[in-house]
Amino acid sequence: MKATVYSISPYEKPYFDPDGEKGDITFHLHKEPLTEASISLAEGSDAIVVFANDLVKAGVLEKLHELGIKFIATRSMGLDHIDLEKAKELDIKVANVPHYSPHSVAEHSVALMLSLNRRLNLANQKVRQHDFELDGLVGFDMNGKTVGLLGAGEIGEVSVKILSGFGCKILIYDLKENKELIDKYQVKYTSIEDVCKKSDIISIHSPLTKETKHLIDKEKISWMKKGVMLINTARGAICNTEDLINGLKEGKLGYLGMDVYEHEKGLFFEDHRNDTIQDDLFIRLMGFKNVLITAHQAFLTREAIKENMETTIQNLKDWAAGKKAKHEQ
């Protein structure tokens, strides 16, 4: 079987055998993302491997089908970048990676909290300029603060364990309660309104669905405490970006940490140092001193990458062997 791999990054290459055999699969690696213009790279392949920044929508799927593509393996947990209904209509099988180290994202979320709280970016800049005054660097104790989690699956569960170690009180908004978290960490499941009104820090760990798109909007922000810290390492579109900017301008949001961005397609995972960024909302966000943005790197640990790659390749091997891939949708 031949498989075309899109959006390959240097740290992923060791897990593939470029233009060679890995079991019964020949991989052709390409740095280019999957777009209308790069569909032709898949010619001669039976399957493609994509990433979260590849837009695998109806029109792209139809052209892939014409090329004979029968299987798509996405090396991501989320599936919102793939039109699953269209893929099913065309009888193109899709498999994802439903699990990889939840510690990677949970730990990155807490890293954003601590960096914003203790103003580590500014502190580092001041020291590099030989300015050792401490003005403007006052933070707060995490101990005793109320942290609200929107979503408490595997990543949220790890976040609970970490934040409990800081001595935080934890509120959770989720459709399903985890009795172990209640019994062991004394978390409280409550409404989203209650989470917004009572939390000093709010961290988002929900998947992106029709119900969670723009879950954080003008109304939810109006419920929040003045000066609240908001962290999003889930999906950018869970937050309405314009409402976030207004919340920052009004001082309602005291801190904003983002590893994802609503309009990150075509922006993140690429080098734009020599480009003029045309996204006015993103430029506006970067202008706030109390905003910390990382470019979708929360998953980027050795352990998570290894698990992700191995699961992706196993999905392909299963399908190549005529079996249903373990994580086929």
C-alpha atoms as a PDB file:
ATOM      1  CA  MET A   1       0.000   0.000   0.000  1.00  0.00           C
ATOM      2  CA  LYS A   2       1.127   3.552  -0.716  1.00  0.00           C
ATOM      3  CA  ALA A   3       0.289   6.438   1.598  1.00  0.00           C
ATOM      4  CA  THR A   4       0.840  10.166   1.069  1.00  0.00           C
ATOM      5  CA  VAL A   5       1.633  12.077   4.270  1.00  0.00           C
ATOM      6  CA  TYR A   6       0.727  15.764   4.327  1.00  0.00           C
ATOM      7  CA  SER A   7       1.973  18.526   6.667  1.00  0.00           C
ATOM      8  CA  ILE A   8       4.934  16.455   7.834  1.00  0.00           C
ATOM      9  CA  SER A   9       7.107  18.105  10.486  1.00  0.00           C
ATOM     10  CA  PRO A  10      10.782  17.332  11.175  1.00  0.00           C
ATOM     11  CA  TYR A  11       9.974  15.811  14.569  1.00  0.00           C
ATOM     12  CA  GLU A  12       7.568  13.335  12.913  1.00  0.00           C
ATOM     13  CA  LYS A  13       9.866  12.077  10.154  1.00  0.00           C
ATOM     14  CA  PRO A  14      11.747   9.495  12.260  1.00  0.00           C
ATOM     15  CA  TYR A  15       8.495   7.585  12.718  1.00  0.00           C
ATOM     16  CA  PHE A  16       7.991   7.154   8.962  1.00  0.00           C
ATOM     17  CA  ASP A  17      10.238   5.507   6.414  1.00  0.00           C
ATOM     18  CA  PRO A  18      10.329   8.131   3.638  1.00  0.00           C
ATOM     19  CA  ASP A  19       9.808   6.666   0.187  1.00  0.00           C
ATOM     20  CA  GLY A  20      10.616   3.242   1.563  1.00  0.00           C
ATOM     21  CA  GLU A  21       8.960   0.278   3.149  1.00  0.00           C
ATOM     22  CA  LYS A  22       7.598   0.189   6.680  1.00  0.00           C
ATOM     23  CA  GLY A  23       5.898  -3.156   6.864  1.00  0.00           C
ATOM     24  CA  ASP A  24       3.619  -3.275   3.831  1.00  0.00           C
ATOM     25  CA  ILE A  25       3.303   0.504   3.476  1.00  0.00           C
ATOM     26  CA  THR A  26       5.293   2.911   1.330  1.00  0.00           C
ATOM     27  CA  PHE A  27       5.154   6.457   2.730  1.00  0.00           C
ATOM     28  CA  HIS A  28       5.607   9.584   0.620  1.00  0.00           C
ATOM     29  CA  LEU A  29       6.273  12.555   2.913  1.00  0.00           C
ATOM     30  CA  HIS A  30       5.332  16.130   2.056  1.00  0.00           C
ATOM     31  CA  LYS A  31       5.714  19.320   4.046  1.00  0.00           C
ATOM     32  CA  GLU A  32       2.787  20.872   2.149  1.00  0.00           C
ATOM     33  CA  PRO A  33      -0.611  20.850   3.860  1.00  0.00           C
ATOM     34  CA  LEU A  34      -3.562  19.247   2.095  1.00  0.00           C
ATOM     35  CA  THR A  35      -5.285  21.896  -0.023  1.00  0.00           C
ATOM     36  CA  GLU A  36      -6.996  22.026  -3.401  1.00  0.00           C
ATOM     37  CA  ALA A  37      -3.580  22.769  -4.894  1.00  0.00           C
ATOM     38  CA  SER A  38      -1.775  19.823  -3.271  1.00  0.00           C
ATOM     39  CA  ILE A  39      -4.342  17.064  -3.828  1.00  0.00           C
ATOM     40  CA  SER A  40      -2.328  15.829  -6.808  1.00  0.00           C
ATOM     41  CA  LEU A  41       0.500  14.771  -4.455  1.00  0.00           C
ATOM     42  CA  ALA A  42      -1.726  11.843  -3.459  1.00  0.00           C
ATOM     43  CA  GLU A  43      -1.884  10.474  -6.987  1.00  0.00           C
ATOM     44  CA  GLY A  44      -0.940   6.797  -7.010  1.00  0.00           C
ATOM     45  CA  SER A  45      -1.610   6.373  -3.291  1.00  0.00           C
ATOM     46  CA  ASP A  46      -4.280   4.260  -1.611  1.00  0.00           C
ATOM     47  CA  ALA A  47      -4.395   6.320   1.574  1.00  0.00           C
ATOM     48  CA  ILE A  48      -3.425   9.716   2.926  1.00  0.00           C
ATOM     49  CA  VAL A  49      -2.224  10.824   6.348  1.00  0.00           C
ATOM     50  CA  VAL A  50      -3.301  14.294   7.472  1.00  0.00           C
ATOM     51  CA  PHE A  51      -2.985  16.603  10.462  1.00  0.00           C
ATOM     52  CA  ALA A  52      -5.310  19.017  12.261  1.00  0.00           C
ATOM     53  CA  ASN A  53      -4.438  21.915   9.937  1.00  0.00           C
ATOM     54  CA  ASP A  54      -5.437  20.013   6.791  1.00  0.00           C
ATOM     55  CA  LEU A  55      -8.939  20.968   5.628  1.00  0.00           C
ATOM     56  CA  VAL A  56     -10.434  17.715   4.399  1.00  0.00           C
ATOM     57  CA  LYS A  57     -13.770  19.115   3.265  1.00  0.00           C
ATOM     58  CA  ALA A  58     -16.342  17.887   0.712  1.00  0.00           C
ATOM     59  CA  GLY A  59     -14.679  19.261  -2.434  1.00  0.00           C
ATOM     60  CA  VAL A  60     -11.260  17.926  -1.414  1.00  0.00           C
ATOM     61  CA  LEU A  61     -12.741  14.519  -0.573  1.00  0.00           C
ATOM     62  CA  GLU A  62     -14.417  14.264  -3.965  1.00  0.00           C
ATOM     63  CA  LYS A  63     -11.113  14.882  -5.749  1.00  0.00           C
ATOM     64  CA  LEU A  64      -9.307  12.433  -3.463  1.00  0.00           C
ATOM     65  CA  HIS A  65     -11.974   9.860  -4.289  1.00  0.00           C
ATOM     66  CA  GLU A  66     -11.340  10.428  -7.993  1.00  0.00           C
ATOM     67  CA  LEU A  67      -7.652   9.669  -7.375  1.00  0.00           C
ATOM     68  CA  GLY A  68      -8.581   6.386  -5.718  1.00  0.00           C
ATOM     69  CA  ILE A  69      -7.993   7.325  -2.087  1.00  0.00           C
ATOM     70  CA  LYS A  70      -9.871   4.871   0.124  1.00  0.00           C
ATOM     71  CA  PHE A  71      -8.499   5.578   3.609  1.00  0.00           C
ATOM     72  CA  ILE A  72      -7.616   8.687   5.638  1.00  0.00           C
ATOM     73  CA  ALA A  73      -5.569   8.474   8.820  1.00  0.00           C
ATOM     74  CA  THR A  74      -5.468  11.710  10.799  1.00  0.00           C
ATOM     75  CA  ARG A  75      -2.691  12.009  13.336  1.00  0.00           C
ATOM     76  CA  SER A  76      -4.917  14.018  15.633  1.00  0.00           C
ATOM     77  CA  MET A  77      -7.561  13.445  18.252  1.00  0.00           C
ATOM     78  CA  GLY A  78     -10.019  15.962  16.820  1.00  0.00           C
ATOM     79  CA  LEU A  79     -11.975  15.280  13.640  1.00  0.00           C
ATOM     80  CA  ASP A  80     -13.544  18.694  13.044  1.00  0.00           C
ATOM     81  CA  HIS A  81     -11.223  19.272  10.040  1.00  0.00           C
ATOM     82  CA  ILE A  82     -12.733  16.296   8.167  1.00  0.00           C
ATOM     83  CA  ASP A  83     -16.198  16.129   6.606  1.00  0.00           C
ATOM     84  CA  LEU A  84     -17.079  12.703   7.994  1.00  0.00           C
ATOM     85  CA  GLU A  85     -20.512  12.574   6.351  1.00  0.00           C
ATOM     86  CA  LYS A  86     -19.024  13.204   2.906  1.00  0.00           C
ATOM     87  CA  ALA A  87     -16.272  10.653   3.534  1.00  0.00           C
ATOM     88  CA  LYS A  88     -18.897   8.060   4.444  1.00  0.00           C
ATOM     89  CA  GLU A  89     -20.896   8.915   1.322  1.00  0.00           C
ATOM     90  CA  LEU A  90     -17.776   8.303  -0.803  1.00  0.00           C
ATOM     91  CA  ASP A  91     -16.890   5.147   1.167  1.00  0.00           C
ATOM     92  CA  ILE A  92     -13.589   6.638   2.311  1.00  0.00           C
ATOM     93  CA  LYS A  93     -12.689   5.217   5.711  1.00  0.00           C
ATOM     94  CA  VAL A  94     -11.368   7.607   8.375  1.00  0.00           C
ATOM     95  CA  ALA A  95      -9.372   6.772  11.506  1.00  0.00           C
ATOM     96  CA  ASN A  96      -8.012   9.071  14.195  1.00  0.00           C
ATOM     97  CA  VAL A  97      -5.902   8.940  17.347  1.00  0.00           C
ATOM     98  CA  PRO A  98      -8.475   9.104  20.144  1.00  0.00           C
ATOM     99  CA  HIS A  99      -5.863   8.994  22.866  1.00  0.00           C
ATOM    100  CA  TYR A 100      -2.360  10.268  23.446  1.00  0.00           C
ATOM    101  CA  SER A 101      -0.697  11.483  26.603  1.00  0.00           C
ATOM    102  CA  PRO A 102      -3.308  13.714  28.287  1.00  0.00           C
ATOM    103  CA  HIS A 103      -0.486  14.946  30.509  1.00  0.00           C
ATOM    104  CA  SER A 104       0.989  16.891  27.572  1.00  0.00           C
ATOM    105  CA  VAL A 105      -2.007  19.203  27.140  1.00  0.00           C
ATOM    106  CA  ALA A 106      -2.895  19.405  30.831  1.00  0.00           C
ATOM    107  CA  GLU A 107       0.655  20.382  31.765  1.00  0.00           C
ATOM    108  CA  HIS A 108       0.790  22.992  29.002  1.00  0.00           C
ATOM    109  CA  SER A 109      -2.456  24.499  30.291  1.00  0.00           C
ATOM    110  CA  VAL A 110      -0.937  24.888  33.744  1.00  0.00           C
ATOM    111  CA  ALA A 111       2.281  26.253  32.211  1.00  0.00           C
ATOM    112  CA  LEU A 112       0.220  29.006  30.561  1.00  0.00           C
ATOM    113  CA  MET A 113      -1.464  29.748  33.905  1.00  0.00           C
ATOM    114  CA  LEU A 114       1.838  30.054  35.743  1.00  0.00           C
ATOM    115  CA  SER A 115       3.529  32.054  32.987  1.00  0.00           C
ATOM    116  CA  LEU A 116       0.683  34.573  32.867  1.00  0.00           C
ATOM    117  CA  ASN A 117       0.316  34.742  36.638  1.00  0.00           C
ATOM    118  CA  ARG A 118       4.010  35.294  37.374  1.00  0.00           C
ATOM    119  CA  ARG A 119       4.563  37.358  34.192  1.00  0.00           C
ATOM    120  CA  LEU A 120       7.476  35.187  33.125  1.00  0.00           C
ATOM    121  CA  ASN A 121       7.676  36.616  29.602  1.00  0.00           C
ATOM    122  CA  LEU A 122       8.014  40.172  30.925  1.00  0.00           C
ATOM    123  CA  ALA A 123      10.390  39.058  33.693  1.00  0.00           C
ATOM    124  CA  ASN A 124      12.679  37.398  31.148  1.00  0.00           C
ATOM    125  CA  GLN A 125      12.627  40.479  28.908  1.00  0.00           C
ATOM    126  CA  LYS A 126      13.507  42.750  31.832  1.00  0.00           C
ATOM    127  CA  VAL A 127      16.437  40.593  32.919  1.00  0.00           C
ATOM    128  CA  ARG A 128      17.789  40.393  29.345  1.00  0.00           C
ATOM    129  CA  GLN A 129      17.699  44.222  29.327  1.00  0.00           C
ATOM    130  CA  HIS A 130      19.553  44.226  32.676  1.00  0.00           C
ATOM    131  CA  ASP A 131      16.462  45.685  34.358  1.00  0.00           C
ATOM    132  CA  PHE A 132      16.221  43.920  37.697  1.00  0.00           C
ATOM    133  CA  GLU A 133      13.450  45.984  39.239  1.00  0.00           C
ATOM    134  CA  LEU A 134      10.361  43.969  40.188  1.00  0.00           C
ATOM    135  CA  ASP A 135       7.725  46.538  39.268  1.00  0.00           C
ATOM    136  CA  GLY A 136       4.942  45.031  37.199  1.00  0.00           C
ATOM    137  CA  LEU A 137       5.751  41.440  38.123  1.00  0.00           C
ATOM    138  CA  VAL A 138       3.379  40.887  41.047  1.00  0.00           C
ATOM    139  CA  GLY A 139       1.443  37.626  40.718  1.00  0.00           C
ATOM    140  CA  PHE A 140      -0.871  35.677  43.014  1.00  0.00           C
ATOM    141  CA  ASP A 141      -0.812  32.405  44.941  1.00  0.00           C
ATOM    142  CA  MET A 142      -2.499  29.545  43.102  1.00  0.00           C
ATOM    143  CA  ASN A 143      -3.256  28.030  46.496  1.00  0.00           C
ATOM    144  CA  GLY A 144      -6.856  28.669  47.505  1.00  0.00           C
ATOM    145  CA  LYS A 145      -7.954  29.966  44.086  1.00  0.00           C
ATOM    146  CA  THR A 146     -11.026  28.553  42.356  1.00  0.00           C
ATOM    147  CA  VAL A 147     -10.347  26.991  38.965  1.00  0.00           C
ATOM    148  CA  GLY A 148     -13.225  26.159  36.656  1.00  0.00           C
ATOM    149  CA  LEU A 149     -12.784  23.447  34.028  1.00  0.00           C
ATOM    150  CA  LEU A 150     -15.023  23.380  30.983  1.00  0.00           C
ATOM    151  CA  GLY A 151     -14.823  19.708  30.123  1.00  0.00           C
ATOM    152  CA  ALA A 152     -13.262  17.000  32.261  1.00  0.00           C
ATOM    153  CA  GLY A 153     -12.338  14.074  30.042  1.00  0.00           C
ATOM    154  CA  GLU A 154      -8.839  12.600  30.157  1.00  0.00           C
ATOM    155  CA  ILE A 155      -7.091  15.982  29.878  1.00  0.00           C
ATOM    156  CA  GLY A 156      -9.427  17.623  32.362  1.00  0.00           C
ATOM    157  CA  GLU A 157      -8.918  14.744  34.775  1.00  0.00           C
ATOM    158  CA  VAL A 158      -5.130  15.184  34.693  1.00  0.00           C
ATOM    159  CA  SER A 159      -5.636  18.943  35.134  1.00  0.00           C
ATOM    160  CA  VAL A 160      -7.663  18.265  38.285  1.00  0.00           C
ATOM    161  CA  LYS A 161      -4.811  16.212  39.744  1.00  0.00           C
ATOM    162  CA  ILE A 162      -2.203  18.881  38.980  1.00  0.00           C
ATOM    163  CA  LEU A 163      -4.294  21.804  40.217  1.00  0.00           C
ATOM    164  CA  SER A 164      -5.264  19.952  43.377  1.00  0.00           C
ATOM    165  CA  GLY A 165      -1.558  19.773  44.146  1.00  0.00           C
ATOM    166  CA  PHE A 166      -1.480  23.583  44.121  1.00  0.00           C
ATOM    167  CA  GLY A 167      -4.320  23.660  46.628  1.00  0.00           C
ATOM    168  CA  CYS A 168      -6.918  24.983  44.174  1.00  0.00           C
ATOM    169  CA  LYS A 169     -10.663  24.565  44.579  1.00  0.00           C
ATOM    170  CA  ILE A 170     -12.069  23.019  41.410  1.00  0.00           C
ATOM    171  CA  LEU A 171     -15.420  23.493  39.695  1.00  0.00           C
ATOM    172  CA  ILE A 172     -16.336  21.455  36.604  1.00  0.00           C
ATOM    173  CA  TYR A 173     -18.892  21.918  33.867  1.00  0.00           C
ATOM    174  CA  ASP A 174     -19.372  18.641  32.004  1.00  0.00           C
ATOM    175  CA  LEU A 175     -22.284  16.523  30.841  1.00  0.00           C
ATOM    176  CA  LYS A 176     -20.908  13.472  32.658  1.00  0.00           C
ATOM    177  CA  GLU A 177     -19.730  13.350  36.268  1.00  0.00           C
ATOM    178  CA  ASN A 178     -16.611  11.459  37.357  1.00  0.00           C
ATOM    179  CA  LYS A 179     -17.260  10.004  40.813  1.00  0.00           C
ATOM    180  CA  GLU A 180     -13.557   9.388  41.428  1.00  0.00           C
ATOM    181  CA  LEU A 181     -12.765  13.078  40.977  1.00  0.00           C
ATOM    182  CA  ILE A 182     -15.561  13.997  43.373  1.00  0.00           C
ATOM    183  CA  ASP A 183     -14.484  11.508  46.031  1.00  0.00           C
ATOM    184  CA  LYS A 184     -10.711  11.927  45.763  1.00  0.00           C
ATOM    185  CA  TYR A 185     -10.327  15.617  44.904  1.00  0.00           C
ATOM    186  CA  GLN A 186     -13.582  17.117  46.189  1.00  0.00           C
ATOM    187  CA  VAL A 187     -14.379  18.725  42.850  1.00  0.00           C
ATOM    188  CA  LYS A 188     -17.846  20.131  42.346  1.00  0.00           C
ATOM    189  CA  TYR A 189     -19.841  19.636  39.163  1.00  0.00           C
ATOM    190  CA  THR A 190     -22.031  22.618  38.426  1.00  0.00           C
ATOM    191  CA  SER A 191     -23.523  24.784  35.675  1.00  0.00           C
ATOM    192  CA  ILE A 192     -21.457  26.782  33.204  1.00  0.00           C
ATOM    193  CA  GLU A 193     -22.924  29.968  34.680  1.00  0.00           C
ATOM    194  CA  ASP A 194     -21.720  28.951  38.135  1.00  0.00           C
ATOM    195  CA  VAL A 195     -18.246  28.135  36.775  1.00  0.00           C
ATOM    196  CA  CYS A 196     -18.022  31.529  35.073  1.00  0.00           C
ATOM    197  CA  LYS A 197     -19.241  33.498  38.088  1.00  0.00           C
ATOM    198  CA  LYS A 198     -17.133  31.800  40.771  1.00  0.00           C
ATOM    199  CA  SER A 199     -13.825  30.937  39.084  1.00  0.00           C
ATOM    200  CA  ASP A 200     -10.601  32.919  39.332  1.00  0.00           C
ATOM    201  CA  ILE A 201      -9.180  30.828  36.473  1.00  0.00           C
ATOM    202  CA  ILE A 202     -11.143  29.066  33.721  1.00  0.00           C
ATOM    203  CA  SER A 203      -9.507  26.387  31.582  1.00  0.00           C
ATOM    204  CA  ILE A 204     -11.178  24.912  28.496  1.00  0.00           C
ATOM    205  CA  HIS A 205     -10.876  21.182  27.768  1.00  0.00           C
ATOM    206  CA  SER A 206     -13.973  20.541  25.654  1.00  0.00           C
ATOM    207  CA  PRO A 207     -14.077  19.074  22.134  1.00  0.00           C
ATOM    208  CA  LEU A 208     -15.325  21.305  19.329  1.00  0.00           C
ATOM    209  CA  THR A 209     -18.892  20.390  18.402  1.00  0.00           C
ATOM    210  CA  LYS A 210     -21.921  22.277  17.132  1.00  0.00           C
ATOM    211  CA  GLU A 211     -22.893  22.773  20.774  1.00  0.00           C
ATOM    212  CA  THR A 212     -19.500  24.053  21.953  1.00  0.00           C
ATOM    213  CA  LYS A 213     -18.718  26.386  19.049  1.00  0.00           C
ATOM    214  CA  HIS A 214     -18.504  29.907  20.531  1.00  0.00           C
ATOM    215  CA  LEU A 215     -19.351  28.463  23.947  1.00  0.00           C
ATOM    216  CA  ILE A 216     -17.344  31.358  25.351  1.00  0.00           C
ATOM    217  CA  ASP A 217     -19.057  34.467  24.053  1.00  0.00           C
ATOM    218  CA  LYS A 218     -20.097  37.920  25.208  1.00  0.00           C
ATOM    219  CA  GLU A 219     -22.705  36.552  27.606  1.00  0.00           C
ATOM    220  CA  LYS A 220     -20.397  34.022  29.284  1.00  0.00           C
ATOM    221  CA  ILE A 221     -17.655  36.644  29.631  1.00  0.00           C
ATOM    222  CA  SER A 222     -20.144  39.027  31.255  1.00  0.00           C
ATOM    223  CA  TRP A 223     -20.747  36.400  33.945  1.00  0.00           C
ATOM    224  CA  MET A 224     -17.041  36.118  34.791  1.00  0.00           C
ATOM    225  CA  LYS A 225     -15.200  37.839  37.612  1.00  0.00           C
ATOM    226  CA  LYS A 226     -13.391  41.034  36.674  1.00  0.00           C
ATOM    227  CA  GLY A 227      -9.763  40.151  35.995  1.00  0.00           C
ATOM    228  CA  VAL A 228     -10.418  36.429  35.431  1.00  0.00           C
ATOM    229  CA  MET A 229      -7.779  34.265  33.745  1.00  0.00           C
ATOM    230  CA  LEU A 230      -8.997  32.296  30.718  1.00  0.00           C
ATOM    231  CA  ILE A 231      -6.974  29.419  29.237  1.00  0.00           C
ATOM    232  CA  ASN A 232      -7.804  27.601  25.991  1.00  0.00           C
ATOM    233  CA  THR A 233      -5.795  24.556  24.890  1.00  0.00           C
ATOM    234  CA  ALA A 234      -8.786  22.792  23.309  1.00  0.00           C
ATOM    235  CA  ARG A 235     -10.065  24.273  20.037  1.00  0.00           C
ATOM    236  CA  GLY A 236      -9.962  27.906  18.957  1.00  0.00           C
ATOM    237  CA  ALA A 237     -13.564  28.106  17.762  1.00  0.00           C
ATOM    238  CA  ILE A 238     -14.865  27.313  21.244  1.00  0.00           C
ATOM    239  CA  CYS A 239     -14.205  31.007  21.907  1.00  0.00           C
ATOM    240  CA  ASN A 240     -15.649  33.914  19.937  1.00  0.00           C
ATOM    241  CA  THR A 241     -12.451  35.851  19.220  1.00  0.00           C
ATOM    242  CA  GLU A 242     -14.109  39.258  18.845  1.00  0.00           C
ATOM    243  CA  ASP A 243     -15.793  38.792  22.228  1.00  0.00           C
ATOM    244  CA  LEU A 244     -12.441  37.845  23.781  1.00  0.00           C
ATOM    245  CA  ILE A 245     -10.903  41.059  22.454  1.00  0.00           C
ATOM    246  CA  ASN A 246     -13.768  43.125  23.849  1.00  0.00           C
ATOM    247  CA  GLY A 247     -13.387  41.340  27.195  1.00  0.00           C
ATOM    248  CA  LEU A 248      -9.688  42.257  27.236  1.00  0.00           C
ATOM    249  CA  LYS A 249     -10.363  45.878  26.281  1.00  0.00           C
ATOM    250  CA  GLU A 250     -12.940  46.232  29.059  1.00  0.00           C
ATOM    251  CA  GLY A 251     -10.643  44.627  31.633  1.00  0.00           C
ATOM    252  CA  LYS A 252     -13.050  41.753  32.266  1.00  0.00           C
ATOM    253  CA  LEU A 253     -10.403  39.293  31.098  1.00  0.00           C
ATOM    254  CA  GLY A 254      -7.300  39.972  33.151  1.00  0.00           C
ATOM    255  CA  TYR A 255      -5.244  37.231  31.516  1.00  0.00           C
ATOM    256  CA  LEU A 256      -5.698  35.173  28.354  1.00  0.00           C
ATOM    257  CA  GLY A 257      -3.631  32.101  27.503  1.00  0.00           C
ATOM    258  CA  MET A 258      -4.210  30.486  24.102  1.00  0.00           C
ATOM    259  CA  ASP A 259      -2.638  27.484  22.445  1.00  0.00           C
ATOM    260  CA  VAL A 260      -5.359  27.466  19.802  1.00  0.00           C
ATOM    261  CA  TYR A 261      -6.955  30.207  17.747  1.00  0.00           C
ATOM    262  CA  GLU A 262     -10.311  30.358  15.999  1.00  0.00           C
ATOM    263  CA  HIS A 263      -8.763  31.234  12.617  1.00  0.00           C
ATOM    264  CA  GLU A 264      -5.479  29.332  12.926  1.00  0.00           C
ATOM    265  CA  LYS A 265      -5.828  27.431   9.642  1.00  0.00           C
ATOM    266  CA  GLY A 266      -3.153  28.706   7.275  1.00  0.00           C
ATOM    267  CA  LEU A 267      -1.429  30.558  10.123  1.00  0.00           C
ATOM    268  CA  PHE A 268      -0.221  28.034  12.699  1.00  0.00           C
ATOM    269  CA  PHE A 269       2.290  25.299  11.802  1.00  0.00           C
ATOM    270  CA  GLU A 270       3.885  27.550   9.162  1.00  0.00           C
ATOM    271  CA  ASP A 271       6.769  30.049   9.122  1.00  0.00           C
ATOM    272  CA  HIS A 272       5.426  33.556   8.443  1.00  0.00           C
ATOM    273  CA  ARG A 273       8.495  35.545   9.489  1.00  0.00           C
ATOM    274  CA  ASN A 274       8.810  37.092   6.052  1.00  0.00           C
ATOM    275  CA  ASP A 275       5.084  37.617   5.574  1.00  0.00           C
ATOM    276  CA  THR A 276       2.695  40.364   6.559  1.00  0.00           C
ATOM    277  CA  ILE A 277       0.005  38.727   8.663  1.00  0.00           C
ATOM    278  CA  GLN A 278      -3.366  39.740   7.288  1.00  0.00           C
ATOM    279  CA  ASP A 279      -5.470  38.536  10.235  1.00  0.00           C
ATOM    280  CA  ASP A 280      -6.506  41.715  12.057  1.00  0.00           C
ATOM    281  CA  LEU A 281      -8.009  39.823  15.005  1.00  0.00           C
ATOM    282  CA  PHE A 282      -4.785  37.909  15.628  1.00  0.00           C
ATOM    283  CA  ILE A 283      -2.706  41.077  15.368  1.00  0.00           C
ATOM    284  CA  ARG A 284      -5.050  42.736  17.884  1.00  0.00           C
ATOM    285  CA  LEU A 285      -4.650  39.823  20.301  1.00  0.00           C
ATOM    286  CA  MET A 286      -0.858  40.018  20.097  1.00  0.00           C
ATOM    287  CA  GLY A 287      -1.054  43.674  21.075  1.00  0.00           C
ATOM    288  CA  PHE A 288      -2.275  42.905  24.605  1.00  0.00           C
ATOM    289  CA  LYS A 289       0.464  42.502  27.215  1.00  0.00           C
ATOM    290  CA  ASN A 290      -1.729  40.165  29.265  1.00  0.00           C
ATOM    291  CA  VAL A 291      -2.182  37.685  26.397  1.00  0.00           C
ATOM    292  CA  LEU A 292       0.127  34.700  25.936  1.00  0.00           C
ATOM    293  CA  ILE A 293      -0.173  32.717  22.701  1.00  0.00           C
ATOM    294  CA  THR A 294       1.517  29.469  21.731  1.00  0.00           C
ATOM    295  CA  ALA A 295       0.948  27.990  18.272  1.00  0.00           C
ATOM    296  CA  HIS A 296      -0.911  24.733  18.946  1.00  0.00           C
ATOM    297  CA  GLN A 297       2.000  23.051  20.712  1.00  0.00           C
ATOM    298  CA  ALA A 298       0.269  21.744  23.842  1.00  0.00           C
ATOM    299  CA  PHE A 299       0.485  18.165  22.537  1.00  0.00           C
ATOM    300  CA  LEU A 300       4.173  18.515  21.679  1.00  0.00           C
ATOM    301  CA  THR A 301       5.950  16.169  24.073  1.00  0.00           C
ATOM    302  CA  ARG A 302       8.104  13.174  23.148  1.00  0.00           C
ATOM    303  CA  GLU A 303       5.654  10.818  24.800  1.00  0.00           C
ATOM    304  CA  ALA A 304       2.578  12.227  23.048  1.00  0.00           C
ATOM    305  CA  ILE A 305       4.248  12.343  19.616  1.00  0.00           C
ATOM    306  CA  LYS A 306       5.418   8.727  19.933  1.00  0.00           C
ATOM    307  CA  GLU A 307       1.964   7.492  20.904  1.00  0.00           C
ATOM    308  CA  ASN A 308       0.331   9.580  18.180  1.00  0.00           C
ATOM    309  CA  MET A 309       2.608   8.314  15.409  1.00  0.00           C
ATOM    310  CA  GLU A 310       2.453   4.688  16.496  1.00  0.00           C
ATOM    311  CA  THR A 311      -1.351   4.734  16.622  1.00  0.00           C
ATOM    312  CA  THR A 312      -1.576   6.443  13.214  1.00  0.00           C
ATOM    313  CA  ILE A 313       0.705   3.872  11.604  1.00  0.00           C
ATOM    314  CA  GLN A 314      -1.156   1.005  13.261  1.00  0.00           C
ATOM    315  CA  ASN A 315      -4.432   2.341  11.852  1.00  0.00           C
ATOM    316  CA  LEU A 316      -2.850   2.204   8.387  1.00  0.00           C
ATOM    317  CA  LYS A 317      -1.392  -1.272   8.937  1.00  0.00           C
ATOM    318  CA  ASP A 318      -4.767  -2.636  10.060  1.00  0.00           C
ATOM    319  CA  TRP A 319      -6.494  -1.254   6.975  1.00  0.00           C
ATOM    320  CA  ALA A 320      -3.705  -2.434   4.659  1.00  0.00           C
ATOM    321  CA  ALA A 321      -4.130  -5.930   6.099  1.00  0.00           C
ATOM    322  CA  GLY A 322      -7.831  -5.885   5.208  1.00  0.00           C
ATOM    323  CA  LYS A 323      -8.998  -5.370   8.788  1.00  0.00           C
ATOM    324  CA  LYS A 324     -11.083  -2.554  10.209  1.00  0.00           C
ATOM    325  CA  ALA A 325      -8.734  -0.023  11.759  1.00  0.00           C
ATOM    326  CA  LYS A 326      -9.032  -0.042  15.537  1.00  0.00           C
ATOM    327  CA  HIS A 327      -9.903   3.647  15.628  1.00  0.00           C
ATOM    328  CA  GLU A 328     -11.932   3.845  12.437  1.00  0.00           C
ATOM    329  CA  GLN A 329     -14.871   6.242  12.716  1.00  0.00           C
END
